[in-house]
Amino acid sequence: MDRRFFMRASLVAATGAGAISTTTAHAAPVPAKPKLRSKIAVSPRWFKGSHVEVIEQIAAAGFPAFEQLNCGSWNDKEQVRQRCAELGVLCGAVGGGMGTIKDWGPNDPAQHDRFVAAVKEAIANAQAIGSKRVLAVSGANLKNVAKERQMDALARAGQLVAPMLEDAGIVLVWECLNVLVNHPGYFLIYSADGADLVRRTDRPNVKFLFDIYHQQISEGNLIRNIQKYKNEIGHFHFADNPGRHEPGTGEINYQNVFKAIHEMGYRDIVASEFGKTKPTPDILKILAECDQW
């Protein structure tokens, strides 16, 4: 890979830009695109312009996917889906309304009707924008309710929506979150519980999301757990720890982690979910280098 990779230069704004003679100006070289083995999804928030223009910039930079969990609420979903299809850009997970982190969740059977309605809406939004993943959360841990009962309630919730998911060709992923730093009181924490939930549900279109940042905080042992639960994992998020910023700002060796994900046979999206501390061209270079081993 050309480690001098950077984003295609943006057009110089007309206001205040000096005129350049066409007889003396030299065409800028087109930067080499990274040769990625992983389907790394970048955040549309790192770019400027309309949603369609952002997709074009992502494709021009050589990245194969984007993820923004609220993209299901975009008003231009159809246009985005069409442009993604033309450019070969994939859409990551769609979230929205399928449980909460601090309040209600499908770990309470009384909320199952609400959950089913939310998943139905999310599937429609995912189809409109071209996503194959919808992201659900468990809800807050219910006081005075045994863990087993809450796990059974989540499994039943997954079974209720599984026929809709299968008909649409979409996978629902349950997200495990850390309670030590970011989300105290949340119910679904450990990768072992995420995998157990998938097995209890026993439906091919229900998996769990392995968020590398959250699992590093909750349990560590990243590569071994990724390998152990490869059949139950349906999606990945990543950020470095501590800080939840780009790789290289913390303790996680992302080259080794990406290599392990690739070697386990996973060929779907690995989505960025962090606040960046550097300009976008630098971030894209860092992500491309994470994929080199």
C-alpha atoms as a PDB file:
ATOM      1  CA  MET A   1       0.000   0.000   0.000  1.00  0.00           C
ATOM      2  CA  ASP A   2       1.064   3.597  -0.715  1.00  0.00           C
ATOM      3  CA  ARG A   3       1.337   4.981   2.806  1.00  0.00           C
ATOM      4  CA  ARG A   4       1.055   8.488   1.402  1.00  0.00           C
ATOM      5  CA  PHE A   5      -2.591   7.799   0.760  1.00  0.00           C
ATOM      6  CA  PHE A   6      -4.885  10.763   1.370  1.00  0.00           C
ATOM      7  CA  MET A   7      -8.354  11.805   0.328  1.00  0.00           C
ATOM      8  CA  ARG A   8      -8.939  13.158  -3.127  1.00  0.00           C
ATOM      9  CA  ALA A   9      -8.406  16.891  -2.879  1.00  0.00           C
ATOM     10  CA  SER A  10     -11.633  18.852  -2.606  1.00  0.00           C
ATOM     11  CA  LEU A  11     -12.422  21.442  -5.225  1.00  0.00           C
ATOM     12  CA  VAL A  12     -11.047  24.897  -4.501  1.00  0.00           C
ATOM     13  CA  ALA A  13     -13.864  27.239  -3.558  1.00  0.00           C
ATOM     14  CA  ALA A  14     -14.587  29.840  -6.188  1.00  0.00           C
ATOM     15  CA  THR A  15     -14.737  32.707  -3.723  1.00  0.00           C
ATOM     16  CA  GLY A  16     -11.253  33.988  -3.062  1.00  0.00           C
ATOM     17  CA  ALA A  17      -9.547  31.398  -5.257  1.00  0.00           C
ATOM     18  CA  GLY A  18      -6.853  32.709  -7.532  1.00  0.00           C
ATOM     19  CA  ALA A  19      -7.154  32.053 -11.240  1.00  0.00           C
ATOM     20  CA  ILE A  20      -4.758  29.419 -12.603  1.00  0.00           C
ATOM     21  CA  SER A  21      -3.589  29.465 -16.181  1.00  0.00           C
ATOM     22  CA  THR A  22      -4.577  26.316 -18.061  1.00  0.00           C
ATOM     23  CA  THR A  23      -1.387  26.569 -20.070  1.00  0.00           C
ATOM     24  CA  THR A  24       0.897  26.373 -17.056  1.00  0.00           C
ATOM     25  CA  ALA A  25      -1.072  24.427 -14.468  1.00  0.00           C
ATOM     26  CA  HIS A  26      -0.313  20.747 -14.023  1.00  0.00           C
ATOM     27  CA  ALA A  27      -3.041  18.235 -13.279  1.00  0.00           C
ATOM     28  CA  ALA A  28      -2.889  17.007  -9.693  1.00  0.00           C
ATOM     29  CA  PRO A  29      -2.015  13.317  -9.442  1.00  0.00           C
ATOM     30  CA  VAL A  30      -4.875  11.049  -8.448  1.00  0.00           C
ATOM     31  CA  PRO A  31      -4.021   9.516  -5.050  1.00  0.00           C
ATOM     32  CA  ALA A  32      -3.875   5.767  -4.797  1.00  0.00           C
ATOM     33  CA  LYS A  33      -6.828   4.123  -3.085  1.00  0.00           C
ATOM     34  CA  PRO A  34      -6.121   1.826  -0.159  1.00  0.00           C
ATOM     35  CA  LYS A  35      -6.320  -1.888  -0.871  1.00  0.00           C
ATOM     36  CA  LEU A  36      -8.597  -2.935   1.942  1.00  0.00           C
ATOM     37  CA  ARG A  37      -9.342  -6.515   2.906  1.00  0.00           C
ATOM     38  CA  SER A  38     -11.868  -5.436   5.536  1.00  0.00           C
ATOM     39  CA  LYS A  39     -15.147  -3.685   4.785  1.00  0.00           C
ATOM     40  CA  ILE A  40     -14.377  -0.692   6.981  1.00  0.00           C
ATOM     41  CA  ALA A  41     -17.323   1.666   7.349  1.00  0.00           C
ATOM     42  CA  VAL A  42     -16.533   5.329   7.929  1.00  0.00           C
ATOM     43  CA  SER A  43     -18.775   8.005   9.395  1.00  0.00           C
ATOM     44  CA  PRO A  44     -20.614  10.385   7.056  1.00  0.00           C
ATOM     45  CA  ARG A  45     -20.145  13.053   9.710  1.00  0.00           C
ATOM     46  CA  TRP A  46     -16.468  13.265   8.754  1.00  0.00           C
ATOM     47  CA  PHE A  47     -17.359  14.736   5.355  1.00  0.00           C
ATOM     48  CA  LYS A  48     -19.168  17.813   4.084  1.00  0.00           C
ATOM     49  CA  GLY A  49     -22.004  18.126   1.598  1.00  0.00           C
ATOM     50  CA  SER A  50     -25.306  16.402   0.986  1.00  0.00           C
ATOM     51  CA  HIS A  51     -25.675  12.744   1.892  1.00  0.00           C
ATOM     52  CA  VAL A  52     -25.216  11.744  -1.740  1.00  0.00           C
ATOM     53  CA  GLU A  53     -22.121  13.933  -2.045  1.00  0.00           C
ATOM     54  CA  VAL A  54     -20.722  12.355   1.106  1.00  0.00           C
ATOM     55  CA  ILE A  55     -21.217   8.869  -0.364  1.00  0.00           C
ATOM     56  CA  GLU A  56     -19.319   9.998  -3.457  1.00  0.00           C
ATOM     57  CA  GLN A  57     -16.441  11.260  -1.291  1.00  0.00           C
ATOM     58  CA  ILE A  58     -16.314   7.974   0.636  1.00  0.00           C
ATOM     59  CA  ALA A  59     -16.143   6.007  -2.612  1.00  0.00           C
ATOM     60  CA  ALA A  60     -13.484   8.337  -4.027  1.00  0.00           C
ATOM     61  CA  ALA A  61     -11.392   7.772  -0.892  1.00  0.00           C
ATOM     62  CA  GLY A  62     -11.479   4.024  -1.496  1.00  0.00           C
ATOM     63  CA  PHE A  63     -13.658   3.001   1.436  1.00  0.00           C
ATOM     64  CA  PRO A  64     -16.392   0.432   0.860  1.00  0.00           C
ATOM     65  CA  ALA A  65     -19.004   1.391   3.455  1.00  0.00           C
ATOM     66  CA  PHE A  66     -20.505   4.005   5.748  1.00  0.00           C
ATOM     67  CA  GLU A  67     -22.443   3.831   8.971  1.00  0.00           C
ATOM     68  CA  GLN A  68     -24.563   6.385  10.781  1.00  0.00           C
ATOM     69  CA  LEU A  69     -27.171   4.763  12.992  1.00  0.00           C
ATOM     70  CA  ASN A  70     -29.800   7.436  12.390  1.00  0.00           C
ATOM     71  CA  CYS A  71     -29.530   7.210   8.595  1.00  0.00           C
ATOM     72  CA  GLY A  72     -32.929   5.532   8.564  1.00  0.00           C
ATOM     73  CA  SER A  73     -34.414   8.960   9.309  1.00  0.00           C
ATOM     74  CA  TRP A  74     -32.753  10.653   6.307  1.00  0.00           C
ATOM     75  CA  ASN A  75     -35.215  12.137   3.831  1.00  0.00           C
ATOM     76  CA  ASP A  76     -33.070  11.171   0.843  1.00  0.00           C
ATOM     77  CA  LYS A  77     -32.721   7.447   1.613  1.00  0.00           C
ATOM     78  CA  GLU A  78     -33.742   6.335  -1.875  1.00  0.00           C
ATOM     79  CA  GLN A  79     -31.236   8.624  -3.561  1.00  0.00           C
ATOM     80  CA  VAL A  80     -28.502   7.460  -1.184  1.00  0.00           C
ATOM     81  CA  ARG A  81     -29.343   3.803  -1.833  1.00  0.00           C
ATOM     82  CA  GLN A  82     -29.220   4.344  -5.596  1.00  0.00           C
ATOM     83  CA  ARG A  83     -25.885   6.164  -5.483  1.00  0.00           C
ATOM     84  CA  CYS A  84     -24.427   3.534  -3.154  1.00  0.00           C
ATOM     85  CA  ALA A  85     -25.455   0.842  -5.618  1.00  0.00           C
ATOM     86  CA  GLU A  86     -23.797   2.730  -8.473  1.00  0.00           C
ATOM     87  CA  LEU A  87     -20.546   3.215  -6.544  1.00  0.00           C
ATOM     88  CA  GLY A  88     -20.428  -0.084  -4.672  1.00  0.00           C
ATOM     89  CA  VAL A  89     -20.689   1.516  -1.235  1.00  0.00           C
ATOM     90  CA  LEU A  90     -22.418  -0.474   1.520  1.00  0.00           C
ATOM     91  CA  CYS A  91     -24.624   0.880   4.284  1.00  0.00           C
ATOM     92  CA  GLY A  92     -23.939  -0.290   7.832  1.00  0.00           C
ATOM     93  CA  ALA A  93     -26.471  -0.821  10.602  1.00  0.00           C
ATOM     94  CA  VAL A  94     -29.667   1.163  11.048  1.00  0.00           C
ATOM     95  CA  GLY A  95     -30.781   1.959  14.587  1.00  0.00           C
ATOM     96  CA  GLY A  96     -33.686   3.738  16.137  1.00  0.00           C
ATOM     97  CA  GLY A  97     -36.350   2.841  18.653  1.00  0.00           C
ATOM     98  CA  MET A  98     -35.605  -0.860  19.126  1.00  0.00           C
ATOM     99  CA  GLY A  99     -35.182  -0.591  22.879  1.00  0.00           C
ATOM    100  CA  THR A 100     -33.257   1.969  24.891  1.00  0.00           C
ATOM    101  CA  ILE A 101     -30.086   2.003  26.942  1.00  0.00           C
ATOM    102  CA  LYS A 102     -31.363   3.610  30.154  1.00  0.00           C
ATOM    103  CA  ASP A 103     -35.094   2.920  30.068  1.00  0.00           C
ATOM    104  CA  TRP A 104     -37.461   0.467  28.399  1.00  0.00           C
ATOM    105  CA  GLY A 105     -36.298  -2.567  26.497  1.00  0.00           C
ATOM    106  CA  PRO A 106     -37.428  -5.936  25.180  1.00  0.00           C
ATOM    107  CA  ASN A 107     -35.912  -7.560  28.266  1.00  0.00           C
ATOM    108  CA  ASP A 108     -39.358  -6.702  29.658  1.00  0.00           C
ATOM    109  CA  PRO A 109     -42.112  -8.839  28.025  1.00  0.00           C
ATOM    110  CA  ALA A 110     -44.563  -5.981  28.535  1.00  0.00           C
ATOM    111  CA  GLN A 111     -42.582  -4.029  25.913  1.00  0.00           C
ATOM    112  CA  HIS A 112     -42.605  -6.682  23.204  1.00  0.00           C
ATOM    113  CA  ASP A 113     -45.409  -5.145  21.148  1.00  0.00           C
ATOM    114  CA  ARG A 114     -43.561  -1.837  21.176  1.00  0.00           C
ATOM    115  CA  PHE A 115     -40.366  -3.591  20.161  1.00  0.00           C
ATOM    116  CA  VAL A 116     -42.001  -5.473  17.276  1.00  0.00           C
ATOM    117  CA  ALA A 117     -43.461  -2.230  15.911  1.00  0.00           C
ATOM    118  CA  ALA A 118     -40.076  -0.519  16.136  1.00  0.00           C
ATOM    119  CA  VAL A 119     -38.319  -3.375  14.325  1.00  0.00           C
ATOM    120  CA  LYS A 120     -40.951  -3.298  11.582  1.00  0.00           C
ATOM    121  CA  GLU A 121     -40.276   0.415  11.047  1.00  0.00           C
ATOM    122  CA  ALA A 122     -36.509  -0.109  11.154  1.00  0.00           C
ATOM    123  CA  ILE A 123     -36.710  -2.851   8.525  1.00  0.00           C
ATOM    124  CA  ALA A 124     -38.592  -0.495   6.205  1.00  0.00           C
ATOM    125  CA  ASN A 125     -35.977   2.220   6.733  1.00  0.00           C
ATOM    126  CA  ALA A 126     -33.125  -0.253   6.229  1.00  0.00           C
ATOM    127  CA  GLN A 127     -34.640  -1.471   2.972  1.00  0.00           C
ATOM    128  CA  ALA A 128     -35.102   2.096   1.767  1.00  0.00           C
ATOM    129  CA  ILE A 129     -31.435   2.980   2.291  1.00  0.00           C
ATOM    130  CA  GLY A 130     -29.996  -0.426   1.400  1.00  0.00           C
ATOM    131  CA  SER A 131     -28.857  -1.680   4.819  1.00  0.00           C
ATOM    132  CA  LYS A 132     -28.745  -5.347   5.811  1.00  0.00           C
ATOM    133  CA  ARG A 133     -28.475  -4.747   9.581  1.00  0.00           C
ATOM    134  CA  VAL A 134     -30.749  -3.261  12.237  1.00  0.00           C
ATOM    135  CA  LEU A 135     -29.382  -2.599  15.718  1.00  0.00           C
ATOM    136  CA  ALA A 136     -31.351  -3.287  18.899  1.00  0.00           C
ATOM    137  CA  VAL A 137     -30.551  -2.670  22.560  1.00  0.00           C
ATOM    138  CA  SER A 138     -31.742  -4.638  25.558  1.00  0.00           C
ATOM    139  CA  GLY A 139     -32.955  -1.911  27.875  1.00  0.00           C
ATOM    140  CA  ALA A 140     -31.832  -1.164  31.412  1.00  0.00           C
ATOM    141  CA  ASN A 141     -31.295  -3.993  33.856  1.00  0.00           C
ATOM    142  CA  LEU A 142     -34.616  -4.624  35.602  1.00  0.00           C
ATOM    143  CA  LYS A 143     -34.360  -4.503  39.371  1.00  0.00           C
ATOM    144  CA  ASN A 144     -35.702  -7.536  41.186  1.00  0.00           C
ATOM    145  CA  VAL A 145     -35.982  -9.510  37.931  1.00  0.00           C
ATOM    146  CA  ALA A 146     -33.653 -12.478  37.523  1.00  0.00           C
ATOM    147  CA  LYS A 147     -31.107 -12.393  34.716  1.00  0.00           C
ATOM    148  CA  GLU A 148     -32.506 -15.619  33.282  1.00  0.00           C
ATOM    149  CA  ARG A 149     -35.976 -14.125  32.942  1.00  0.00           C
ATOM    150  CA  GLN A 150     -34.588 -11.066  31.158  1.00  0.00           C
ATOM    151  CA  MET A 151     -32.505 -13.211  28.811  1.00  0.00           C
ATOM    152  CA  ASP A 152     -35.553 -15.338  28.015  1.00  0.00           C
ATOM    153  CA  ALA A 153     -37.557 -12.189  27.306  1.00  0.00           C
ATOM    154  CA  LEU A 154     -34.900 -10.961  24.868  1.00  0.00           C
ATOM    155  CA  ALA A 155     -34.793 -14.345  23.157  1.00  0.00           C
ATOM    156  CA  ARG A 156     -38.565 -14.310  22.791  1.00  0.00           C
ATOM    157  CA  ALA A 157     -38.427 -10.781  21.379  1.00  0.00           C
ATOM    158  CA  GLY A 158     -35.941 -11.956  18.769  1.00  0.00           C
ATOM    159  CA  GLN A 159     -38.167 -14.887  17.842  1.00  0.00           C
ATOM    160  CA  LEU A 160     -41.148 -12.578  17.425  1.00  0.00           C
ATOM    161  CA  VAL A 161     -39.374 -10.426  14.824  1.00  0.00           C
ATOM    162  CA  ALA A 162     -37.385 -13.202  13.133  1.00  0.00           C
ATOM    163  CA  PRO A 163     -39.970 -13.917  10.393  1.00  0.00           C
ATOM    164  CA  MET A 164     -39.986 -10.245   9.360  1.00  0.00           C
ATOM    165  CA  LEU A 165     -36.213 -10.169   9.323  1.00  0.00           C
ATOM    166  CA  GLU A 166     -35.938 -13.335   7.239  1.00  0.00           C
ATOM    167  CA  ASP A 167     -38.509 -12.098   4.709  1.00  0.00           C
ATOM    168  CA  ALA A 168     -36.526  -8.854   4.322  1.00  0.00           C
ATOM    169  CA  GLY A 169     -33.091 -10.503   4.233  1.00  0.00           C
ATOM    170  CA  ILE A 170     -31.993  -8.392   7.193  1.00  0.00           C
ATOM    171  CA  VAL A 171     -30.120  -9.369  10.365  1.00  0.00           C
ATOM    172  CA  LEU A 172     -30.933  -7.894  13.767  1.00  0.00           C
ATOM    173  CA  VAL A 173     -27.928  -7.464  16.048  1.00  0.00           C
ATOM    174  CA  TRP A 174     -28.151  -7.013  19.815  1.00  0.00           C
ATOM    175  CA  GLU A 175     -25.544  -4.589  21.121  1.00  0.00           C
ATOM    176  CA  CYS A 176     -23.525  -5.351  24.245  1.00  0.00           C
ATOM    177  CA  LEU A 177     -22.383  -2.191  26.041  1.00  0.00           C
ATOM    178  CA  ASN A 178     -20.000  -1.484  28.904  1.00  0.00           C
ATOM    179  CA  VAL A 179     -21.381  -0.368  32.266  1.00  0.00           C
ATOM    180  CA  LEU A 180     -18.054   0.627  33.818  1.00  0.00           C
ATOM    181  CA  VAL A 181     -17.489   3.847  31.837  1.00  0.00           C
ATOM    182  CA  ASN A 182     -20.320   4.742  29.479  1.00  0.00           C
ATOM    183  CA  HIS A 183     -23.632   3.052  30.253  1.00  0.00           C
ATOM    184  CA  PRO A 184     -24.150   2.140  33.926  1.00  0.00           C
ATOM    185  CA  GLY A 185     -27.331   0.172  34.495  1.00  0.00           C
ATOM    186  CA  TYR A 186     -27.538  -1.374  31.022  1.00  0.00           C
ATOM    187  CA  PHE A 187     -28.529  -5.050  30.910  1.00  0.00           C
ATOM    188  CA  LEU A 188     -26.623  -6.809  28.081  1.00  0.00           C
ATOM    189  CA  ILE A 189     -22.895  -6.454  28.797  1.00  0.00           C
ATOM    190  CA  TYR A 190     -20.640  -9.416  28.039  1.00  0.00           C
ATOM    191  CA  SER A 191     -19.906 -11.176  24.770  1.00  0.00           C
ATOM    192  CA  ALA A 192     -20.700 -14.513  26.426  1.00  0.00           C
ATOM    193  CA  ASP A 193     -24.197 -13.204  27.155  1.00  0.00           C
ATOM    194  CA  GLY A 194     -24.579 -11.892  23.611  1.00  0.00           C
ATOM    195  CA  ALA A 195     -23.632 -15.290  22.230  1.00  0.00           C
ATOM    196  CA  ASP A 196     -25.917 -17.053  24.727  1.00  0.00           C
ATOM    197  CA  LEU A 197     -28.795 -14.813  23.629  1.00  0.00           C
ATOM    198  CA  VAL A 198     -28.211 -15.707  19.984  1.00  0.00           C
ATOM    199  CA  ARG A 199     -28.221 -19.423  20.794  1.00  0.00           C
ATOM    200  CA  ARG A 200     -31.369 -19.118  22.896  1.00  0.00           C
ATOM    201  CA  THR A 201     -33.132 -17.275  20.093  1.00  0.00           C
ATOM    202  CA  ASP A 202     -32.002 -19.874  17.550  1.00  0.00           C
ATOM    203  CA  ARG A 203     -32.928 -17.875  14.467  1.00  0.00           C
ATOM    204  CA  PRO A 204     -30.447 -17.267  11.614  1.00  0.00           C
ATOM    205  CA  ASN A 205     -31.295 -13.565  11.320  1.00  0.00           C
ATOM    206  CA  VAL A 206     -30.611 -12.714  14.966  1.00  0.00           C
ATOM    207  CA  LYS A 207     -26.976 -12.155  16.043  1.00  0.00           C
ATOM    208  CA  PHE A 208     -25.081  -9.914  18.435  1.00  0.00           C
ATOM    209  CA  LEU A 209     -22.895  -6.883  17.798  1.00  0.00           C
ATOM    210  CA  PHE A 210     -19.328  -7.137  19.070  1.00  0.00           C
ATOM    211  CA  ASP A 211     -18.292  -3.571  19.867  1.00  0.00           C
ATOM    212  CA  ILE A 212     -14.534  -3.795  20.307  1.00  0.00           C
ATOM    213  CA  TYR A 213     -14.352  -0.637  22.417  1.00  0.00           C
ATOM    214  CA  HIS A 214     -17.082  -1.747  24.818  1.00  0.00           C
ATOM    215  CA  GLN A 215     -15.780  -5.300  25.118  1.00  0.00           C
ATOM    216  CA  GLN A 216     -12.243  -4.120  25.823  1.00  0.00           C
ATOM    217  CA  ILE A 217     -13.613  -2.231  28.819  1.00  0.00           C
ATOM    218  CA  SER A 218     -16.005  -4.955  29.959  1.00  0.00           C
ATOM    219  CA  GLU A 219     -13.809  -8.008  29.603  1.00  0.00           C
ATOM    220  CA  GLY A 220     -10.710  -7.601  27.415  1.00  0.00           C
ATOM    221  CA  ASN A 221      -9.510 -10.837  25.809  1.00  0.00           C
ATOM    222  CA  LEU A 222     -10.671  -9.456  22.486  1.00  0.00           C
ATOM    223  CA  ILE A 223      -9.187 -11.798  19.916  1.00  0.00           C
ATOM    224  CA  ARG A 224      -9.957 -14.973  21.841  1.00  0.00           C
ATOM    225  CA  ASN A 225     -13.596 -13.921  22.341  1.00  0.00           C
ATOM    226  CA  ILE A 226     -13.975 -12.890  18.701  1.00  0.00           C
ATOM    227  CA  GLN A 227     -12.741 -16.319  17.680  1.00  0.00           C
ATOM    228  CA  LYS A 228     -14.866 -18.093  20.291  1.00  0.00           C
ATOM    229  CA  TYR A 229     -18.116 -16.405  19.279  1.00  0.00           C
ATOM    230  CA  LYS A 230     -17.555 -16.096  15.547  1.00  0.00           C
ATOM    231  CA  ASN A 231     -20.784 -17.936  14.750  1.00  0.00           C
ATOM    232  CA  GLU A 232     -22.889 -15.626  16.916  1.00  0.00           C
ATOM    233  CA  ILE A 233     -21.348 -12.277  15.885  1.00  0.00           C
ATOM    234  CA  GLY A 234     -23.240 -10.397  13.182  1.00  0.00           C
ATOM    235  CA  HIS A 235     -21.590  -6.976  13.180  1.00  0.00           C
ATOM    236  CA  PHE A 236     -18.616  -5.049  14.591  1.00  0.00           C
ATOM    237  CA  HIS A 237     -18.085  -1.533  15.905  1.00  0.00           C
ATOM    238  CA  PHE A 238     -14.678  -0.188  16.852  1.00  0.00           C
ATOM    239  CA  ALA A 239     -12.885   2.634  18.656  1.00  0.00           C
ATOM    240  CA  ASP A 240      -9.744   2.767  20.743  1.00  0.00           C
ATOM    241  CA  ASN A 241      -9.730   2.704  24.522  1.00  0.00           C
ATOM    242  CA  PRO A 242      -9.466   4.793  26.617  1.00  0.00           C
ATOM    243  CA  GLY A 243     -11.101   7.842  25.080  1.00  0.00           C
ATOM    244  CA  ARG A 244     -13.220   6.269  22.327  1.00  0.00           C
ATOM    245  CA  HIS A 245     -11.178   7.880  19.574  1.00  0.00           C
ATOM    246  CA  GLU A 246      -9.476   6.560  16.441  1.00  0.00           C
ATOM    247  CA  PRO A 247      -7.056   3.605  16.509  1.00  0.00           C
ATOM    248  CA  GLY A 248      -3.636   4.585  17.775  1.00  0.00           C
ATOM    249  CA  THR A 249      -4.937   6.811  20.567  1.00  0.00           C
ATOM    250  CA  GLY A 250      -5.235   4.005  23.099  1.00  0.00           C
ATOM    251  CA  GLU A 251      -4.256   0.467  24.009  1.00  0.00           C
ATOM    252  CA  ILE A 252      -5.847  -1.730  21.322  1.00  0.00           C
ATOM    253  CA  ASN A 253      -3.651  -3.212  18.577  1.00  0.00           C
ATOM    254  CA  TYR A 254      -6.060  -2.850  15.688  1.00  0.00           C
ATOM    255  CA  GLN A 255      -3.870  -4.475  13.082  1.00  0.00           C
ATOM    256  CA  ASN A 256      -3.963  -7.677  15.117  1.00  0.00           C
ATOM    257  CA  VAL A 257      -7.682  -7.364  15.824  1.00  0.00           C
ATOM    258  CA  PHE A 258      -8.585  -6.736  12.168  1.00  0.00           C
ATOM    259  CA  LYS A 259      -6.393  -9.653  11.165  1.00  0.00           C
ATOM    260  CA  ALA A 260      -8.197 -11.927  13.628  1.00  0.00           C
ATOM    261  CA  ILE A 261     -11.596 -10.803  12.330  1.00  0.00           C
ATOM    262  CA  HIS A 262     -10.523 -11.498   8.762  1.00  0.00           C
ATOM    263  CA  GLU A 263      -9.006 -14.862   9.599  1.00  0.00           C
ATOM    264  CA  MET A 264     -12.176 -16.040  11.333  1.00  0.00           C
ATOM    265  CA  GLY A 265     -13.902 -15.721   7.963  1.00  0.00           C
ATOM    266  CA  TYR A 266     -15.935 -12.577   8.630  1.00  0.00           C
ATOM    267  CA  ARG A 267     -16.437 -10.593   5.420  1.00  0.00           C
ATOM    268  CA  ASP A 268     -19.068  -8.074   6.414  1.00  0.00           C
ATOM    269  CA  ILE A 269     -18.874  -4.517   7.733  1.00  0.00           C
ATOM    270  CA  VAL A 270     -16.583  -3.364  10.543  1.00  0.00           C
ATOM    271  CA  ALA A 271     -17.912   0.055  11.460  1.00  0.00           C
ATOM    272  CA  SER A 272     -16.106   3.083  12.901  1.00  0.00           C
ATOM    273  CA  GLU A 273     -17.822   4.483  15.973  1.00  0.00           C
ATOM    274  CA  PHE A 274     -15.562   7.068  17.536  1.00  0.00           C
ATOM    275  CA  GLY A 275     -14.904  10.753  17.896  1.00  0.00           C
ATOM    276  CA  LYS A 276     -11.923  11.649  15.756  1.00  0.00           C
ATOM    277  CA  THR A 277      -9.071  13.835  16.989  1.00  0.00           C
ATOM    278  CA  LYS A 278      -7.410  14.431  13.614  1.00  0.00           C
ATOM    279  CA  PRO A 279      -8.468  15.728  10.196  1.00  0.00           C
ATOM    280  CA  THR A 280     -10.420  13.286   8.059  1.00  0.00           C
ATOM    281  CA  PRO A 281      -7.584  12.546   5.584  1.00  0.00           C
ATOM    282  CA  ASP A 282      -5.379  11.496   8.506  1.00  0.00           C
ATOM    283  CA  ILE A 283      -8.126   9.312   9.939  1.00  0.00           C
ATOM    284  CA  LEU A 284      -8.625   7.542   6.616  1.00  0.00           C
ATOM    285  CA  LYS A 285      -4.916   6.823   6.416  1.00  0.00           C
ATOM    286  CA  ILE A 286      -4.925   5.423   9.961  1.00  0.00           C
ATOM    287  CA  LEU A 287      -7.870   3.148   9.175  1.00  0.00           C
ATOM    288  CA  ALA A 288      -6.236   1.906   5.986  1.00  0.00           C
ATOM    289  CA  GLU A 289      -3.069   1.078   7.916  1.00  0.00           C
ATOM    290  CA  CYS A 290      -5.084  -0.909  10.483  1.00  0.00           C
ATOM    291  CA  ASP A 291      -6.026  -3.216   7.626  1.00  0.00           C
ATOM    292  CA  GLN A 292      -2.406  -3.961   6.632  1.00  0.00           C
ATOM    293  CA  TRP A 293      -0.706  -6.991   8.134  1.00  0.00           C
END
